[in-house]
Amino acid sequence: MPELPEVETIVTGLKPNLEGKLIHDVQVFNKRTITNPKDIEGFVATIKKTTINEVTRKGKYIDIILDNKMHLIIHLRMTGQLIYSNKEMDFTHLRAMFKLDNGLLYFNDIRKFGTISLLHQDELLLEKGYHTLGVEPLSNEFSDCYLKEKIKGTRPVKNFILDQTVIAGLGNIYADECLFLANINPKRPVNTLDDMEITLLVDAIKEVLSKAIENRGTTFSDYKDSYGGKGENQNFLKVYGRGKEDCFKCGKKLSSDKIGGRTTVFCLDCQK
């Protein structure tokens, strides 16, 4: 699933090509992709002949804001791709297409889990999961004090940092990488973290996400940026996907286990 760095990379690429552009027409090829409204004709009619004011991101959501105060809220889920081109392209799993005055915006999705929702600015509370998002981890709001206030209970620290109501946009890949950089065992009860470890974790989250954005995201199979290109961050991962390989810090074999139903890779010697 595209996580914060991948979605940020897509949004950065879309902004210069979409903002200020007129949407001439919309074609929907899979009705299930449109979660709101259920009336596809109404969906198309509301969008046609509108201008895109802004393209932004919140967590893993892409928010395309139109000049009629409507928002296209897009979640790529597992395999969604949002690709812009100034020429026609062929896609095997095309779910929707937006015809702009300067090109085409394609929503391609192999597994059909991705969603597009059209909501008025006063109705954004209707988008499940969107309005309950926690702070952006690269914002000034995300600090030691913020994280310390959110820590409650004994759930594993990995489950805690994956909670989207606590930290918006952090996913499985980068949770493993952040905990490795901070030398924290992902199974640790979150309420056992001391002040120094909380500081290390906040710093690690900011560093790992920032570097992943610089590397244009992580591509293992389906992720592509807004131009159809692949990310490069997979070449710099320290633990994710490396179970039973040598730890880059101590040289011992990395462990792999399930935490909260997610495969987790970590070093028993380095992460305490």
Protein backbone atom coordinates (compact mmCIF):
# COMPACT_ATOMS: atom_id res chain seq x y z
CA MET A 1 0.00 0.00 0.00
CA PRO A 2 1.33 3.49 -0.82
CA GLU A 3 2.26 5.18 2.45
CA LEU A 4 2.94 8.83 3.26
CA PRO A 5 6.16 9.17 1.21
CA GLU A 6 4.58 7.59 -1.87
CA VAL A 7 1.43 9.70 -1.65
CA GLU A 8 3.46 12.86 -1.03
CA THR A 9 5.56 12.07 -4.11
CA ILE A 10 2.41 11.62 -6.21
CA VAL A 11 0.89 14.87 -4.96
CA THR A 12 4.11 16.81 -5.61
CA GLY A 13 4.11 15.54 -9.19
CA LEU A 14 0.43 16.27 -9.76
CA LYS A 15 0.36 19.83 -8.43
CA PRO A 16 1.99 21.64 -11.40
CA ASN A 17 -0.04 19.63 -13.91
CA LEU A 18 -3.46 19.82 -12.24
CA GLU A 19 -3.75 23.06 -10.29
CA GLY A 20 -5.58 25.74 -12.24
CA LYS A 21 -6.67 23.25 -14.91
CA LEU A 22 -10.23 22.70 -16.16
CA ILE A 23 -11.82 19.24 -16.00
CA HIS A 24 -13.60 18.80 -19.34
CA ASP A 25 -14.98 15.32 -18.78
CA VAL A 26 -14.87 12.27 -16.52
CA GLN A 27 -15.25 8.61 -17.39
CA VAL A 28 -15.91 5.96 -14.75
CA PHE A 29 -15.11 2.37 -15.72
CA ASN A 30 -15.78 0.73 -12.36
CA LYS A 31 -18.72 2.01 -10.31
CA ARG A 32 -17.40 0.45 -7.10
CA THR A 33 -14.42 2.83 -7.20
CA ILE A 34 -16.78 5.75 -6.55
CA THR A 35 -17.89 5.50 -2.92
CA ASN A 36 -19.75 8.81 -2.80
CA PRO A 37 -22.13 9.64 -4.39
CA LYS A 38 -23.57 6.35 -5.57
CA ASP A 39 -25.17 8.19 -8.50
CA ILE A 40 -22.37 8.03 -11.08
CA GLU A 41 -24.11 10.44 -13.45
CA GLY A 42 -24.38 12.94 -10.61
CA PHE A 43 -20.71 12.40 -9.78
CA VAL A 44 -19.67 13.18 -13.34
CA ALA A 45 -22.01 16.15 -13.69
CA THR A 46 -20.73 17.77 -10.48
CA ILE A 47 -17.11 17.55 -11.63
CA LYS A 48 -17.41 18.48 -15.31
CA LYS A 49 -16.39 22.03 -16.19
CA THR A 50 -14.88 22.69 -12.77
CA THR A 51 -11.36 23.98 -12.18
CA ILE A 52 -8.88 22.31 -9.86
CA ASN A 53 -7.84 24.82 -7.22
CA GLU A 54 -5.41 22.69 -5.22
CA VAL A 55 -3.98 19.19 -4.89
CA THR A 56 -2.98 18.28 -1.36
CA ARG A 57 -2.45 15.33 0.97
CA LYS A 58 -3.70 14.28 4.39
CA GLY A 59 -2.19 11.06 5.70
CA LYS A 60 -2.50 8.54 2.86
CA TYR A 61 -5.38 10.46 1.25
CA ILE A 62 -5.10 12.67 -1.83
CA ASP A 63 -7.43 15.68 -1.76
CA ILE A 64 -8.19 17.41 -5.07
CA ILE A 65 -10.05 20.63 -4.25
CA LEU A 66 -12.36 22.04 -6.94
CA ASP A 67 -13.57 25.60 -7.46
CA ASN A 68 -17.16 24.62 -6.59
CA LYS A 69 -16.08 23.77 -3.02
CA MET A 70 -16.16 20.05 -3.75
CA HIS A 71 -13.33 17.71 -2.76
CA LEU A 72 -12.21 14.59 -4.60
CA ILE A 73 -10.89 12.42 -1.78
CA ILE A 74 -8.78 9.60 -3.23
CA HIS A 75 -7.34 6.63 -1.33
CA LEU A 76 -5.07 4.35 -3.35
CA ARG A 77 -5.36 1.41 -0.89
CA MET A 78 -3.24 -1.57 -1.97
CA THR A 79 -2.55 -1.11 -5.68
CA GLY A 80 -4.06 2.20 -6.79
CA GLN A 81 -2.12 4.44 -9.17
CA LEU A 82 -2.87 8.06 -10.07
CA ILE A 83 -0.98 8.94 -13.23
CA TYR A 84 -0.97 12.12 -15.32
CA SER A 85 -0.04 12.22 -19.00
CA ASN A 86 -0.39 14.74 -21.83
CA LYS A 87 -1.10 11.86 -24.19
CA GLU A 88 -3.39 8.82 -24.23
CA MET A 89 -2.10 5.74 -22.40
CA ASP A 90 -3.31 2.15 -22.16
CA PHE A 91 -4.04 0.58 -18.78
CA THR A 92 -5.27 -2.94 -18.10
CA HIS A 93 -7.04 -1.99 -14.87
CA LEU A 94 -8.33 1.53 -15.56
CA ARG A 95 -11.09 2.53 -13.11
CA ALA A 96 -11.59 6.23 -13.92
CA MET A 97 -10.20 8.91 -16.23
CA PHE A 98 -10.32 12.70 -16.00
CA LYS A 99 -9.92 14.72 -19.21
CA LEU A 100 -8.21 18.04 -18.50
CA ASP A 101 -7.46 20.96 -20.78
CA ASN A 102 -3.79 19.99 -20.77
CA GLY A 103 -3.84 16.20 -20.51
CA LEU A 104 -5.36 13.15 -18.84
CA LEU A 105 -5.45 11.89 -15.26
CA TYR A 106 -5.77 8.11 -14.93
CA PHE A 107 -6.86 6.12 -11.90
CA ASN A 108 -5.55 2.59 -12.40
CA ASP A 109 -6.09 -0.10 -9.77
CA ILE A 110 -5.33 -3.81 -10.13
CA ARG A 111 -7.15 -5.06 -7.02
CA LYS A 112 -10.06 -2.57 -7.10
CA PHE A 113 -9.66 -1.54 -3.43
CA GLY A 114 -8.88 2.10 -4.23
CA THR A 115 -11.65 4.64 -3.74
CA ILE A 116 -12.74 8.06 -4.97
CA SER A 117 -15.23 10.07 -2.94
CA LEU A 118 -16.75 13.42 -3.94
CA LEU A 119 -17.76 15.56 -0.98
CA HIS A 120 -18.62 19.19 -0.32
CA GLN A 121 -16.20 20.99 1.98
CA ASP A 122 -18.88 20.90 4.70
CA GLU A 123 -19.32 17.12 4.36
CA LEU A 124 -15.76 15.89 4.85
CA LEU A 125 -16.77 14.30 8.14
CA LEU A 126 -18.61 11.71 6.06
CA GLU A 127 -15.34 10.28 4.73
CA LYS A 128 -14.60 7.40 7.08
CA GLY A 129 -11.08 7.58 8.47
CA TYR A 130 -10.34 11.00 6.97
CA HIS A 131 -11.52 13.34 9.69
CA THR A 132 -10.12 11.18 12.52
CA LEU A 133 -6.52 11.29 11.28
CA GLY A 134 -3.83 12.21 13.77
CA VAL A 135 -1.12 14.79 13.19
CA GLU A 136 1.16 14.83 10.18
CA PRO A 137 4.50 13.36 11.31
CA LEU A 138 6.54 15.91 9.34
CA SER A 139 4.68 18.86 10.85
CA ASN A 140 5.77 20.95 13.84
CA GLU A 141 2.81 19.55 15.78
CA PHE A 142 4.44 16.12 15.82
CA SER A 143 6.76 16.34 18.81
CA ASP A 144 7.95 14.48 21.89
CA CYS A 145 5.22 16.13 23.95
CA TYR A 146 2.49 15.18 21.47
CA LEU A 147 3.54 11.53 21.33
CA LYS A 148 3.94 11.28 25.09
CA GLU A 149 0.39 12.57 25.59
CA LYS A 150 -0.97 9.94 23.20
CA ILE A 151 0.75 6.98 24.88
CA LYS A 152 -1.76 4.87 26.80
CA GLY A 153 -2.02 1.17 27.53
CA THR A 154 0.25 -1.76 26.81
CA ARG A 155 -0.19 -2.39 23.10
CA PRO A 156 3.01 -3.03 21.12
CA VAL A 157 4.79 0.14 20.10
CA LYS A 158 4.52 -0.85 16.44
CA ASN A 159 0.71 -1.03 16.66
CA PHE A 160 0.73 2.34 18.41
CA ILE A 161 2.67 4.18 15.70
CA LEU A 162 0.55 2.55 12.98
CA ASP A 163 -2.62 3.94 14.55
CA GLN A 164 -3.79 6.52 12.00
CA THR A 165 -5.59 8.51 14.71
CA VAL A 166 -2.20 9.06 16.33
CA ILE A 167 0.14 9.48 13.34
CA ALA A 168 -1.32 10.15 9.89
CA GLY A 169 0.20 8.27 6.97
CA LEU A 170 2.72 5.97 8.66
CA GLY A 171 2.51 2.41 7.33
CA ASN A 172 4.13 -0.98 7.76
CA ILE A 173 7.27 -0.36 5.71
CA TYR A 174 8.29 2.80 7.49
CA ALA A 175 7.18 1.64 10.96
CA ASP A 176 9.80 -1.13 10.77
CA GLU A 177 12.43 1.29 9.52
CA CYS A 178 11.68 3.92 12.18
CA LEU A 179 11.80 1.45 15.06
CA PHE A 180 15.10 0.04 13.79
CA LEU A 181 16.65 3.50 13.57
CA ALA A 182 15.41 4.31 17.09
CA ASN A 183 16.68 0.94 18.45
CA ILE A 184 13.23 0.08 19.83
CA ASN A 185 11.82 -3.46 19.78
CA PRO A 186 8.45 -3.34 17.95
CA LYS A 187 6.92 -5.72 20.53
CA ARG A 188 7.65 -3.40 23.47
CA PRO A 189 4.56 -2.24 25.36
CA VAL A 190 4.27 1.39 24.33
CA ASN A 191 3.86 2.58 27.91
CA THR A 192 7.37 1.32 28.77
CA LEU A 193 9.08 3.90 26.53
CA ASP A 194 11.04 6.48 28.50
CA ASP A 195 11.47 10.13 27.55
CA MET A 196 14.74 9.53 25.68
CA GLU A 197 13.23 6.70 23.65
CA ILE A 198 10.22 8.83 22.74
CA THR A 199 12.58 11.55 21.50
CA LEU A 200 14.56 9.01 19.48
CA LEU A 201 11.35 7.63 17.97
CA VAL A 202 10.03 11.06 16.94
CA ASP A 203 13.38 11.93 15.36
CA ALA A 204 13.54 8.56 13.58
CA ILE A 205 10.06 8.93 12.12
CA LYS A 206 10.87 12.36 10.73
CA GLU A 207 14.22 11.21 9.32
CA VAL A 208 12.96 7.99 7.72
CA LEU A 209 9.95 9.65 6.07
CA SER A 210 11.96 12.63 4.83
CA LYS A 211 14.59 10.40 3.23
CA ALA A 212 11.90 8.21 1.64
CA ILE A 213 10.32 11.30 0.07
CA GLU A 214 13.75 12.35 -1.25
CA ASN A 215 14.00 8.88 -2.82
CA ARG A 216 10.52 9.24 -4.38
CA GLY A 217 8.99 6.41 -2.35
CA THR A 218 9.39 2.65 -2.19
CA THR A 219 8.47 0.40 -5.13
CA PHE A 220 8.23 -3.35 -4.66
CA SER A 221 5.52 -4.15 -7.20
CA ASP A 222 2.64 -1.75 -7.92
CA TYR A 223 3.59 1.71 -6.65
CA LYS A 224 4.28 4.31 -9.33
CA ASP A 225 4.57 8.07 -9.08
CA SER A 226 2.32 10.50 -10.95
CA TYR A 227 4.37 10.06 -14.14
CA GLY A 228 4.39 6.26 -14.00
CA GLY A 229 7.93 6.05 -12.64
CA LYS A 230 9.22 3.85 -9.82
CA GLY A 231 10.56 4.93 -6.47
CA GLU A 232 14.13 4.25 -5.31
CA ASN A 233 13.77 3.97 -1.54
CA GLN A 234 13.60 0.16 -1.68
CA ASN A 235 17.36 0.32 -2.30
CA PHE A 236 17.95 1.91 1.11
CA LEU A 237 15.72 -0.13 3.45
CA LYS A 238 17.50 -1.44 6.53
CA VAL A 239 15.04 -4.07 7.80
CA TYR A 240 11.72 -4.20 5.95
CA GLY A 241 11.56 -7.28 3.74
CA ARG A 242 14.97 -8.50 5.01
CA GLY A 243 13.94 -11.18 7.50
CA LYS A 244 16.75 -13.68 8.26
CA GLU A 245 19.30 -11.49 6.50
CA ASP A 246 22.24 -9.86 8.30
CA CYS A 247 21.60 -6.76 10.40
CA PHE A 248 23.45 -3.74 9.00
CA LYS A 249 24.35 -2.64 12.54
CA CYS A 250 25.51 -5.78 14.37
CA GLY A 251 25.76 -8.39 11.63
CA LYS A 252 23.43 -10.90 13.32
CA LYS A 253 20.36 -12.38 11.62
CA LEU A 254 17.23 -10.23 11.57
CA SER A 255 14.08 -11.68 13.11
CA SER A 256 10.66 -11.79 11.45
CA ASP A 257 7.35 -12.08 13.27
CA LYS A 258 3.69 -11.07 13.06
CA ILE A 259 2.63 -8.08 15.13
CA GLY A 260 -0.96 -6.97 14.82
CA GLY A 261 -1.31 -9.22 11.77
CA ARG A 262 1.55 -7.48 9.96
CA THR A 263 4.88 -9.04 9.08
CA THR A 264 7.53 -7.25 11.11
CA VAL A 265 11.31 -7.42 10.72
CA PHE A 266 13.63 -6.30 13.50
CA CYS A 267 16.95 -7.02 15.23
CA LEU A 268 16.71 -8.71 18.63
CA ASP A 269 20.19 -7.51 19.55
CA CYS A 270 19.97 -3.88 18.45
CA GLN A 271 16.34 -3.17 19.29
CA LYS A 272 15.49 -3.34 22.99
